[in-house]
Amino acid sequence: MEELRVEAGVSAGAMYRYFPSKDELVHAAIETSLVEVEELITAIGRREDATSPTQYLRVLLGDLAKFRHHTEGVDLFRLAIQGWAYAQSRPQTRAMIQDSAERQLALYRKAAKRWTDRRKVNAVATAMAGVVMGYVVQSAFADSEIDPAGYSDGLALLG
């Protein structure tokens, strides 16, 4: 907490007024990132160039790859994995992540309705969520950047 306080350039009183504990600070950081991811997914759902599942995933993974490093010095994919692990022992954080996952799934369902028979929308949305999580995990542990276009094209070849 002290390192963060110094880096932020705020007094100890101000820091603890907003974040009385480390748990609350971590919770707020995770929540902020989840909101940004949901906004990114929402924006992609409005794009005209996401005309097929493969193209949608190409755009989504490409934008996620940019989002990954948008905070200087922080790998948000690795932070996501740490957040998922942290949430396993923190019910409030786990519930927040689960709620966000449900909202993201709803956004994937909305997108899937463009290309998929209504009876398959849930299956397609669930697969999209799995692809995104897989991409985040694989990218976090890879020695080099994983090409989002190649990743989505490879998935299309599997289908």
N, C-alpha and C. Protein backbone atom coordinates (compact mmCIF):
# COMPACT_ATOMS: atom_id res chain seq x y z
N MET A 1 0.82 -1.18 0.00
CA MET A 1 0.00 0.00 0.00
C MET A 1 0.87 1.25 0.00
N GLU A 2 1.96 1.19 0.76
CA GLU A 2 2.83 2.36 0.86
C GLU A 2 3.45 2.70 -0.50
N GLU A 3 3.89 1.67 -1.23
CA GLU A 3 4.46 1.91 -2.56
C GLU A 3 3.45 2.56 -3.48
N LEU A 4 2.24 2.06 -3.46
CA LEU A 4 1.18 2.62 -4.30
C LEU A 4 0.88 4.05 -3.89
N ARG A 5 0.84 4.30 -2.60
CA ARG A 5 0.56 5.64 -2.11
C ARG A 5 1.60 6.63 -2.59
N VAL A 6 2.87 6.23 -2.48
CA VAL A 6 3.97 7.10 -2.92
C VAL A 6 3.89 7.32 -4.43
N GLU A 7 3.67 6.24 -5.19
CA GLU A 7 3.57 6.33 -6.65
C GLU A 7 2.43 7.25 -7.06
N ALA A 8 1.31 7.17 -6.34
CA ALA A 8 0.16 8.00 -6.65
C ALA A 8 0.34 9.44 -6.20
N GLY A 9 1.29 9.66 -5.29
CA GLY A 9 1.55 11.01 -4.80
C GLY A 9 0.47 11.55 -3.89
N VAL A 10 -0.12 10.65 -3.09
CA VAL A 10 -1.16 11.09 -2.16
C VAL A 10 -0.72 10.81 -0.73
N SER A 11 -1.36 11.50 0.20
CA SER A 11 -1.03 11.28 1.61
C SER A 11 -1.61 9.95 2.08
N ALA A 12 -1.07 9.45 3.19
CA ALA A 12 -1.58 8.19 3.76
C ALA A 12 -3.05 8.36 4.14
N GLY A 13 -3.40 9.51 4.68
CA GLY A 13 -4.80 9.76 5.07
C GLY A 13 -5.73 9.69 3.87
N ALA A 14 -5.32 10.31 2.77
CA ALA A 14 -6.15 10.29 1.56
C ALA A 14 -6.28 8.87 1.02
N MET A 15 -5.18 8.14 1.03
CA MET A 15 -5.19 6.77 0.53
C MET A 15 -6.16 5.91 1.33
N TYR A 16 -6.05 5.98 2.63
CA TYR A 16 -6.89 5.13 3.47
C TYR A 16 -8.33 5.63 3.59
N ARG A 17 -8.56 6.88 3.22
CA ARG A 17 -9.93 7.39 3.19
C ARG A 17 -10.69 6.72 2.05
N TYR A 18 -10.02 6.55 0.90
CA TYR A 18 -10.66 5.93 -0.26
C TYR A 18 -10.57 4.40 -0.24
N PHE A 19 -9.46 3.89 0.26
CA PHE A 19 -9.23 2.44 0.28
C PHE A 19 -8.74 2.04 1.67
N PRO A 20 -9.66 1.73 2.58
CA PRO A 20 -9.29 1.40 3.96
C PRO A 20 -8.43 0.15 4.09
N SER A 21 -8.42 -0.69 3.05
CA SER A 21 -7.61 -1.91 3.12
C SER A 21 -7.08 -2.27 1.74
N LYS A 22 -6.09 -3.13 1.75
CA LYS A 22 -5.52 -3.62 0.49
C LYS A 22 -6.60 -4.32 -0.33
N ASP A 23 -7.44 -5.10 0.34
CA ASP A 23 -8.52 -5.81 -0.37
C ASP A 23 -9.41 -4.84 -1.13
N GLU A 24 -9.76 -3.73 -0.52
CA GLU A 24 -10.62 -2.76 -1.19
C GLU A 24 -9.91 -2.09 -2.36
N LEU A 25 -8.63 -1.87 -2.24
CA LEU A 25 -7.85 -1.31 -3.35
C LEU A 25 -7.80 -2.29 -4.51
N VAL A 26 -7.50 -3.55 -4.24
CA VAL A 26 -7.45 -4.57 -5.28
C VAL A 26 -8.82 -4.72 -5.93
N HIS A 27 -9.85 -4.76 -5.12
CA HIS A 27 -11.22 -4.88 -5.62
C HIS A 27 -11.54 -3.73 -6.58
N ALA A 28 -11.18 -2.52 -6.21
CA ALA A 28 -11.44 -1.35 -7.06
C ALA A 28 -10.66 -1.44 -8.37
N ALA A 29 -9.42 -1.91 -8.32
CA ALA A 29 -8.61 -2.04 -9.54
C ALA A 29 -9.23 -3.08 -10.48
N ILE A 30 -9.67 -4.19 -9.93
CA ILE A 30 -10.29 -5.23 -10.76
C ILE A 30 -11.59 -4.70 -11.36
N GLU A 31 -12.38 -4.03 -10.55
CA GLU A 31 -13.66 -3.51 -11.02
C GLU A 31 -13.46 -2.51 -12.17
N THR A 32 -12.48 -1.64 -12.04
CA THR A 32 -12.20 -0.66 -13.09
C THR A 32 -11.82 -1.36 -14.39
N SER A 33 -10.98 -2.38 -14.31
CA SER A 33 -10.58 -3.11 -15.52
C SER A 33 -11.76 -3.83 -16.15
N LEU A 34 -12.61 -4.43 -15.33
CA LEU A 34 -13.77 -5.15 -15.86
C LEU A 34 -14.73 -4.21 -16.59
N VAL A 35 -14.94 -3.03 -16.03
CA VAL A 35 -15.80 -2.04 -16.68
C VAL A 35 -15.21 -1.65 -18.03
N GLU A 36 -13.91 -1.46 -18.08
CA GLU A 36 -13.26 -1.09 -19.34
C GLU A 36 -13.39 -2.20 -20.38
N VAL A 37 -13.26 -3.45 -19.96
CA VAL A 37 -13.41 -4.57 -20.90
C VAL A 37 -14.84 -4.63 -21.41
N GLU A 38 -15.81 -4.45 -20.53
CA GLU A 38 -17.21 -4.46 -20.96
C GLU A 38 -17.49 -3.33 -21.96
N GLU A 39 -16.90 -2.17 -21.72
CA GLU A 39 -17.06 -1.05 -22.66
C GLU A 39 -16.44 -1.38 -24.00
N LEU A 40 -15.30 -2.04 -23.99
CA LEU A 40 -14.63 -2.44 -25.22
C LEU A 40 -15.51 -3.43 -25.99
N ILE A 41 -16.06 -4.42 -25.32
CA ILE A 41 -16.92 -5.42 -25.97
C ILE A 41 -18.18 -4.75 -26.52
N THR A 42 -18.74 -3.82 -25.78
CA THR A 42 -19.92 -3.09 -26.24
C THR A 42 -19.61 -2.32 -27.51
N ALA A 43 -18.48 -1.64 -27.54
CA ALA A 43 -18.09 -0.86 -28.72
C ALA A 43 -17.89 -1.77 -29.94
N ILE A 44 -17.31 -2.92 -29.74
CA ILE A 44 -17.08 -3.83 -30.86
C ILE A 44 -18.41 -4.34 -31.40
N GLY A 45 -19.38 -4.54 -30.51
CA GLY A 45 -20.71 -4.97 -30.95
C GLY A 45 -21.39 -3.99 -31.87
N ARG A 46 -20.96 -2.74 -31.83
CA ARG A 46 -21.54 -1.69 -32.69
C ARG A 46 -20.78 -1.52 -34.01
N ARG A 47 -19.63 -2.14 -34.12
CA ARG A 47 -18.79 -1.93 -35.30
C ARG A 47 -19.35 -2.65 -36.52
N GLU A 48 -19.23 -2.00 -37.65
CA GLU A 48 -19.72 -2.56 -38.91
C GLU A 48 -18.80 -3.63 -39.47
N ASP A 49 -17.52 -3.60 -39.08
CA ASP A 49 -16.57 -4.55 -39.66
C ASP A 49 -16.55 -5.90 -38.95
N ALA A 50 -17.38 -6.07 -37.92
CA ALA A 50 -17.48 -7.35 -37.22
C ALA A 50 -18.66 -8.12 -37.79
N THR A 51 -18.53 -8.58 -39.04
CA THR A 51 -19.65 -9.11 -39.81
C THR A 51 -19.81 -10.63 -39.75
N SER A 52 -18.89 -11.30 -39.10
CA SER A 52 -18.97 -12.76 -38.96
C SER A 52 -18.33 -13.11 -37.61
N PRO A 53 -18.55 -14.33 -37.14
CA PRO A 53 -17.92 -14.70 -35.87
C PRO A 53 -16.40 -14.56 -35.92
N THR A 54 -15.80 -14.98 -37.02
CA THR A 54 -14.34 -14.88 -37.13
C THR A 54 -13.89 -13.43 -37.13
N GLN A 55 -14.59 -12.58 -37.88
CA GLN A 55 -14.21 -11.17 -37.93
C GLN A 55 -14.45 -10.50 -36.58
N TYR A 56 -15.55 -10.84 -35.94
CA TYR A 56 -15.84 -10.29 -34.61
C TYR A 56 -14.71 -10.63 -33.65
N LEU A 57 -14.32 -11.90 -33.63
CA LEU A 57 -13.23 -12.31 -32.72
C LEU A 57 -11.92 -11.66 -33.11
N ARG A 58 -11.67 -11.50 -34.39
CA ARG A 58 -10.44 -10.83 -34.84
C ARG A 58 -10.39 -9.41 -34.29
N VAL A 59 -11.49 -8.68 -34.43
CA VAL A 59 -11.56 -7.30 -33.93
C VAL A 59 -11.46 -7.29 -32.40
N LEU A 60 -12.22 -8.17 -31.75
CA LEU A 60 -12.23 -8.20 -30.29
C LEU A 60 -10.86 -8.53 -29.73
N LEU A 61 -10.23 -9.58 -30.24
CA LEU A 61 -8.91 -9.97 -29.72
C LEU A 61 -7.86 -8.91 -30.04
N GLY A 62 -7.98 -8.28 -31.21
CA GLY A 62 -7.05 -7.20 -31.56
C GLY A 62 -7.17 -6.02 -30.60
N ASP A 63 -8.41 -5.65 -30.29
CA ASP A 63 -8.62 -4.55 -29.35
C ASP A 63 -8.20 -4.93 -27.93
N LEU A 64 -8.43 -6.18 -27.56
CA LEU A 64 -7.97 -6.65 -26.24
C LEU A 64 -6.45 -6.61 -26.16
N ALA A 65 -5.78 -6.99 -27.25
CA ALA A 65 -4.31 -6.95 -27.26
C ALA A 65 -3.80 -5.53 -27.04
N LYS A 66 -4.48 -4.55 -27.62
CA LYS A 66 -4.11 -3.14 -27.40
C LYS A 66 -4.41 -2.73 -25.96
N PHE A 67 -5.57 -3.16 -25.46
CA PHE A 67 -5.99 -2.86 -24.10
C PHE A 67 -5.00 -3.43 -23.09
N ARG A 68 -4.43 -4.57 -23.41
CA ARG A 68 -3.53 -5.28 -22.50
C ARG A 68 -2.44 -4.37 -21.94
N HIS A 69 -1.89 -3.51 -22.77
CA HIS A 69 -0.75 -2.68 -22.36
C HIS A 69 -1.11 -1.19 -22.30
N HIS A 70 -2.39 -0.86 -22.20
CA HIS A 70 -2.76 0.56 -22.23
C HIS A 70 -2.34 1.31 -20.97
N THR A 71 -2.04 0.59 -19.90
CA THR A 71 -1.52 1.22 -18.69
C THR A 71 -0.03 0.96 -18.64
N GLU A 72 0.75 2.00 -18.72
CA GLU A 72 2.21 1.85 -18.82
C GLU A 72 2.77 1.00 -17.69
N GLY A 73 3.55 0.00 -18.07
CA GLY A 73 4.23 -0.84 -17.10
C GLY A 73 3.37 -1.93 -16.47
N VAL A 74 2.10 -2.04 -16.89
CA VAL A 74 1.21 -3.04 -16.30
C VAL A 74 0.70 -3.96 -17.41
N ASP A 75 0.89 -5.25 -17.23
CA ASP A 75 0.34 -6.24 -18.15
C ASP A 75 -1.04 -6.62 -17.61
N LEU A 76 -2.08 -6.10 -18.23
CA LEU A 76 -3.42 -6.31 -17.72
C LEU A 76 -3.89 -7.76 -17.87
N PHE A 77 -3.29 -8.53 -18.78
CA PHE A 77 -3.65 -9.95 -18.88
C PHE A 77 -3.12 -10.71 -17.67
N ARG A 78 -1.90 -10.43 -17.28
CA ARG A 78 -1.36 -11.07 -16.08
C ARG A 78 -2.11 -10.60 -14.84
N LEU A 79 -2.48 -9.35 -14.83
CA LEU A 79 -3.26 -8.82 -13.72
C LEU A 79 -4.64 -9.51 -13.66
N ALA A 80 -5.23 -9.81 -14.81
CA ALA A 80 -6.52 -10.51 -14.84
C ALA A 80 -6.39 -11.89 -14.19
N ILE A 81 -5.32 -12.60 -14.52
CA ILE A 81 -5.12 -13.93 -13.93
C ILE A 81 -4.95 -13.81 -12.42
N GLN A 82 -4.19 -12.82 -11.99
CA GLN A 82 -4.02 -12.61 -10.55
C GLN A 82 -5.36 -12.26 -9.90
N GLY A 83 -6.17 -11.48 -10.59
CA GLY A 83 -7.48 -11.12 -10.08
C GLY A 83 -8.39 -12.32 -9.96
N TRP A 84 -8.37 -13.20 -10.97
CA TRP A 84 -9.18 -14.43 -10.92
C TRP A 84 -8.74 -15.29 -9.74
N ALA A 85 -7.44 -15.41 -9.53
CA ALA A 85 -6.94 -16.21 -8.40
C ALA A 85 -7.32 -15.55 -7.07
N TYR A 86 -7.15 -14.25 -6.98
CA TYR A 86 -7.47 -13.49 -5.78
C TYR A 86 -8.95 -13.68 -5.42
N ALA A 87 -9.81 -13.70 -6.42
CA ALA A 87 -11.24 -13.79 -6.20
C ALA A 87 -11.67 -15.13 -5.62
N GLN A 88 -10.85 -16.15 -5.77
CA GLN A 88 -11.22 -17.46 -5.25
C GLN A 88 -11.37 -17.47 -3.73
N SER A 89 -10.67 -16.58 -3.06
CA SER A 89 -10.77 -16.53 -1.61
C SER A 89 -11.45 -15.25 -1.11
N ARG A 90 -12.02 -14.47 -2.03
CA ARG A 90 -12.70 -13.22 -1.67
C ARG A 90 -14.11 -13.23 -2.28
N PRO A 91 -15.12 -13.61 -1.53
CA PRO A 91 -16.48 -13.74 -2.08
C PRO A 91 -17.00 -12.48 -2.77
N GLN A 92 -16.69 -11.31 -2.23
CA GLN A 92 -17.19 -10.07 -2.83
C GLN A 92 -16.55 -9.86 -4.22
N THR A 93 -15.26 -10.11 -4.32
CA THR A 93 -14.56 -9.95 -5.59
C THR A 93 -15.00 -11.02 -6.58
N ARG A 94 -15.18 -12.23 -6.08
CA ARG A 94 -15.65 -13.32 -6.94
C ARG A 94 -17.03 -12.99 -7.52
N ALA A 95 -17.92 -12.48 -6.69
CA ALA A 95 -19.26 -12.11 -7.16
C ALA A 95 -19.18 -11.01 -8.22
N MET A 96 -18.30 -10.04 -8.00
CA MET A 96 -18.13 -8.95 -8.97
C MET A 96 -17.66 -9.51 -10.32
N ILE A 97 -16.69 -10.42 -10.30
CA ILE A 97 -16.17 -11.00 -11.53
C ILE A 97 -17.25 -11.85 -12.21
N GLN A 98 -18.01 -12.60 -11.43
CA GLN A 98 -19.09 -13.40 -11.99
C GLN A 98 -20.15 -12.51 -12.64
N ASP A 99 -20.49 -11.41 -11.99
CA ASP A 99 -21.47 -10.48 -12.56
C ASP A 99 -20.97 -9.90 -13.88
N SER A 100 -19.70 -9.54 -13.90
CA SER A 100 -19.13 -9.01 -15.14
C SER A 100 -19.12 -10.08 -16.23
N ALA A 101 -18.80 -11.31 -15.86
CA ALA A 101 -18.80 -12.40 -16.85
C ALA A 101 -20.20 -12.59 -17.43
N GLU A 102 -21.23 -12.46 -16.62
CA GLU A 102 -22.61 -12.57 -17.12
C GLU A 102 -22.94 -11.43 -18.07
N ARG A 103 -22.51 -10.21 -17.73
CA ARG A 103 -22.75 -9.07 -18.62
C ARG A 103 -22.01 -9.25 -19.94
N GLN A 104 -20.77 -9.74 -19.86
CA GLN A 104 -20.01 -9.99 -21.08
C GLN A 104 -20.69 -11.06 -21.93
N LEU A 105 -21.17 -12.11 -21.29
CA LEU A 105 -21.87 -13.18 -22.00
C LEU A 105 -23.11 -12.62 -22.71
N ALA A 106 -23.82 -11.72 -22.06
CA ALA A 106 -24.99 -11.08 -22.70
C ALA A 106 -24.56 -10.29 -23.94
N LEU A 107 -23.41 -9.63 -23.86
CA LEU A 107 -22.91 -8.88 -25.03
C LEU A 107 -22.51 -9.84 -26.15
N TYR A 108 -21.94 -10.98 -25.81
CA TYR A 108 -21.60 -11.98 -26.83
C TYR A 108 -22.87 -12.57 -27.44
N ARG A 109 -23.91 -12.76 -26.63
CA ARG A 109 -25.19 -13.26 -27.17
C ARG A 109 -25.76 -12.26 -28.18
N LYS A 110 -25.70 -11.01 -27.81
CA LYS A 110 -26.21 -9.97 -28.71
C LYS A 110 -25.47 -10.00 -30.04
N ALA A 111 -24.16 -10.14 -29.98
CA ALA A 111 -23.37 -10.21 -31.22
C ALA A 111 -23.69 -11.48 -31.99
N ALA A 112 -23.81 -12.59 -31.28
CA ALA A 112 -24.04 -13.88 -31.94
C ALA A 112 -25.37 -13.92 -32.67
N LYS A 113 -26.33 -13.13 -32.24
CA LYS A 113 -27.64 -13.10 -32.92
C LYS A 113 -27.52 -12.64 -34.36
N ARG A 114 -26.43 -11.94 -34.68
CA ARG A 114 -26.24 -11.47 -36.06
C ARG A 114 -25.94 -12.61 -37.03
N TRP A 115 -25.28 -13.67 -36.52
CA TRP A 115 -24.79 -14.71 -37.42
C TRP A 115 -25.35 -16.09 -37.16
N THR A 116 -26.06 -16.24 -36.06
CA THR A 116 -26.38 -17.58 -35.59
C THR A 116 -27.88 -17.76 -35.43
N ASP A 117 -28.34 -18.95 -35.72
CA ASP A 117 -29.71 -19.34 -35.44
C ASP A 117 -29.98 -19.13 -33.95
N ARG A 118 -31.13 -18.62 -33.61
CA ARG A 118 -31.44 -18.26 -32.21
C ARG A 118 -31.27 -19.42 -31.24
N ARG A 119 -31.43 -20.66 -31.72
CA ARG A 119 -31.28 -21.82 -30.85
C ARG A 119 -29.81 -22.06 -30.48
N LYS A 120 -28.90 -21.48 -31.23
CA LYS A 120 -27.47 -21.70 -30.99
C LYS A 120 -26.77 -20.49 -30.38
N VAL A 121 -27.50 -19.42 -30.14
CA VAL A 121 -26.90 -18.18 -29.63
C VAL A 121 -26.15 -18.41 -28.32
N ASN A 122 -26.75 -19.11 -27.38
CA ASN A 122 -26.08 -19.33 -26.09
C ASN A 122 -24.80 -20.12 -26.25
N ALA A 123 -24.82 -21.15 -27.09
CA ALA A 123 -23.62 -21.96 -27.31
C ALA A 123 -22.52 -21.13 -27.95
N VAL A 124 -22.87 -20.31 -28.92
CA VAL A 124 -21.87 -19.46 -29.59
C VAL A 124 -21.32 -18.43 -28.61
N ALA A 125 -22.18 -17.81 -27.82
CA ALA A 125 -21.72 -16.81 -26.85
C ALA A 125 -20.80 -17.43 -25.80
N THR A 126 -21.15 -18.63 -25.34
CA THR A 126 -20.31 -19.31 -24.36
C THR A 126 -18.94 -19.64 -24.96
N ALA A 127 -18.94 -20.08 -26.21
CA ALA A 127 -17.67 -20.38 -26.88
C ALA A 127 -16.83 -19.11 -27.04
N MET A 128 -17.49 -18.01 -27.38
CA MET A 128 -16.75 -16.74 -27.52
C MET A 128 -16.11 -16.34 -26.20
N ALA A 129 -16.85 -16.49 -25.11
CA ALA A 129 -16.29 -16.16 -23.79
C ALA A 129 -15.08 -17.04 -23.50
N GLY A 130 -15.18 -18.31 -23.84
CA GLY A 130 -14.05 -19.23 -23.64
C GLY A 130 -12.85 -18.86 -24.48
N VAL A 131 -13.10 -18.45 -25.72
CA VAL A 131 -12.00 -18.04 -26.60
C VAL A 131 -11.29 -16.82 -26.01
N VAL A 132 -12.06 -15.85 -25.55
CA VAL A 132 -11.45 -14.64 -24.98
C VAL A 132 -10.62 -14.98 -23.75
N MET A 133 -11.19 -15.79 -22.86
CA MET A 133 -10.43 -16.16 -21.65
C MET A 133 -9.18 -16.96 -22.03
N GLY A 134 -9.32 -17.86 -23.00
CA GLY A 134 -8.16 -18.63 -23.45
C GLY A 134 -7.08 -17.74 -24.03
N TYR A 135 -7.50 -16.77 -24.83
CA TYR A 135 -6.53 -15.84 -25.42
C TYR A 135 -5.80 -15.05 -24.33
N VAL A 136 -6.54 -14.59 -23.33
CA VAL A 136 -5.93 -13.84 -22.23
C VAL A 136 -4.91 -14.71 -21.50
N VAL A 137 -5.29 -15.94 -21.17
CA VAL A 137 -4.39 -16.83 -20.43
C VAL A 137 -3.17 -17.19 -21.28
N GLN A 138 -3.39 -17.61 -22.51
CA GLN A 138 -2.25 -17.98 -23.36
C GLN A 138 -1.32 -16.80 -23.57
N SER A 139 -1.89 -15.63 -23.78
CA SER A 139 -1.05 -14.45 -24.01
C SER A 139 -0.25 -14.09 -22.76
N ALA A 140 -0.86 -14.23 -21.60
CA ALA A 140 -0.17 -13.89 -20.36
C ALA A 140 1.04 -14.77 -20.12
N PHE A 141 0.96 -16.02 -20.56
CA PHE A 141 2.05 -16.96 -20.31
C PHE A 141 2.99 -17.14 -21.49
N ALA A 142 2.67 -16.56 -22.63
CA ALA A 142 3.51 -16.71 -23.82
C ALA A 142 4.77 -15.84 -23.68
N ASP A 143 5.83 -16.30 -24.33
CA ASP A 143 7.07 -15.53 -24.33
C ASP A 143 7.01 -14.36 -25.30
N SER A 144 6.07 -14.41 -26.24
CA SER A 144 5.92 -13.31 -27.20
C SER A 144 4.42 -13.07 -27.42
N GLU A 145 4.11 -11.96 -28.06
CA GLU A 145 2.71 -11.61 -28.31
C GLU A 145 2.06 -12.66 -29.22
N ILE A 146 0.84 -13.02 -28.91
CA ILE A 146 0.08 -13.93 -29.76
C ILE A 146 -0.74 -13.07 -30.72
N ASP A 147 -0.60 -13.33 -31.99
CA ASP A 147 -1.26 -12.56 -33.03
C ASP A 147 -2.77 -12.80 -32.98
N PRO A 148 -3.56 -11.75 -32.68
CA PRO A 148 -5.01 -11.91 -32.58
C PRO A 148 -5.65 -12.40 -33.88
N ALA A 149 -5.18 -11.88 -35.02
CA ALA A 149 -5.74 -12.30 -36.30
C ALA A 149 -5.45 -13.78 -36.56
N GLY A 150 -4.22 -14.19 -36.30
CA GLY A 150 -3.87 -15.59 -36.48
C GLY A 150 -4.65 -16.50 -35.54
N TYR A 151 -4.87 -16.04 -34.33
CA TYR A 151 -5.62 -16.80 -33.34
C TYR A 151 -7.05 -17.01 -33.82
N SER A 152 -7.71 -15.93 -34.25
CA SER A 152 -9.10 -16.05 -34.71
C SER A 152 -9.19 -16.84 -36.00
N ASP A 153 -8.21 -16.68 -36.90
CA ASP A 153 -8.21 -17.47 -38.13
C ASP A 153 -8.03 -18.96 -37.84
N GLY A 154 -7.18 -19.28 -36.87
CA GLY A 154 -7.00 -20.66 -36.48
C GLY A 154 -8.27 -21.25 -35.92
N LEU A 155 -8.99 -20.47 -35.16
CA LEU A 155 -10.28 -20.94 -34.62
C LEU A 155 -11.27 -21.22 -35.75
N ALA A 156 -11.27 -20.34 -36.76
CA ALA A 156 -12.18 -20.54 -37.90
C ALA A 156 -11.85 -21.84 -38.62
N LEU A 157 -10.57 -22.18 -38.72
CA LEU A 157 -10.18 -23.43 -39.37
C LEU A 157 -10.64 -24.65 -38.58
N LEU A 158 -10.72 -24.51 -37.26
CA LEU A 158 -11.21 -25.61 -36.43
C LEU A 158 -12.69 -25.87 -36.65
N GLY A 159 -13.44 -24.80 -36.97
CA GLY A 159 -14.90 -24.89 -37.09
C GLY A 159 -15.29 -25.57 -38.35
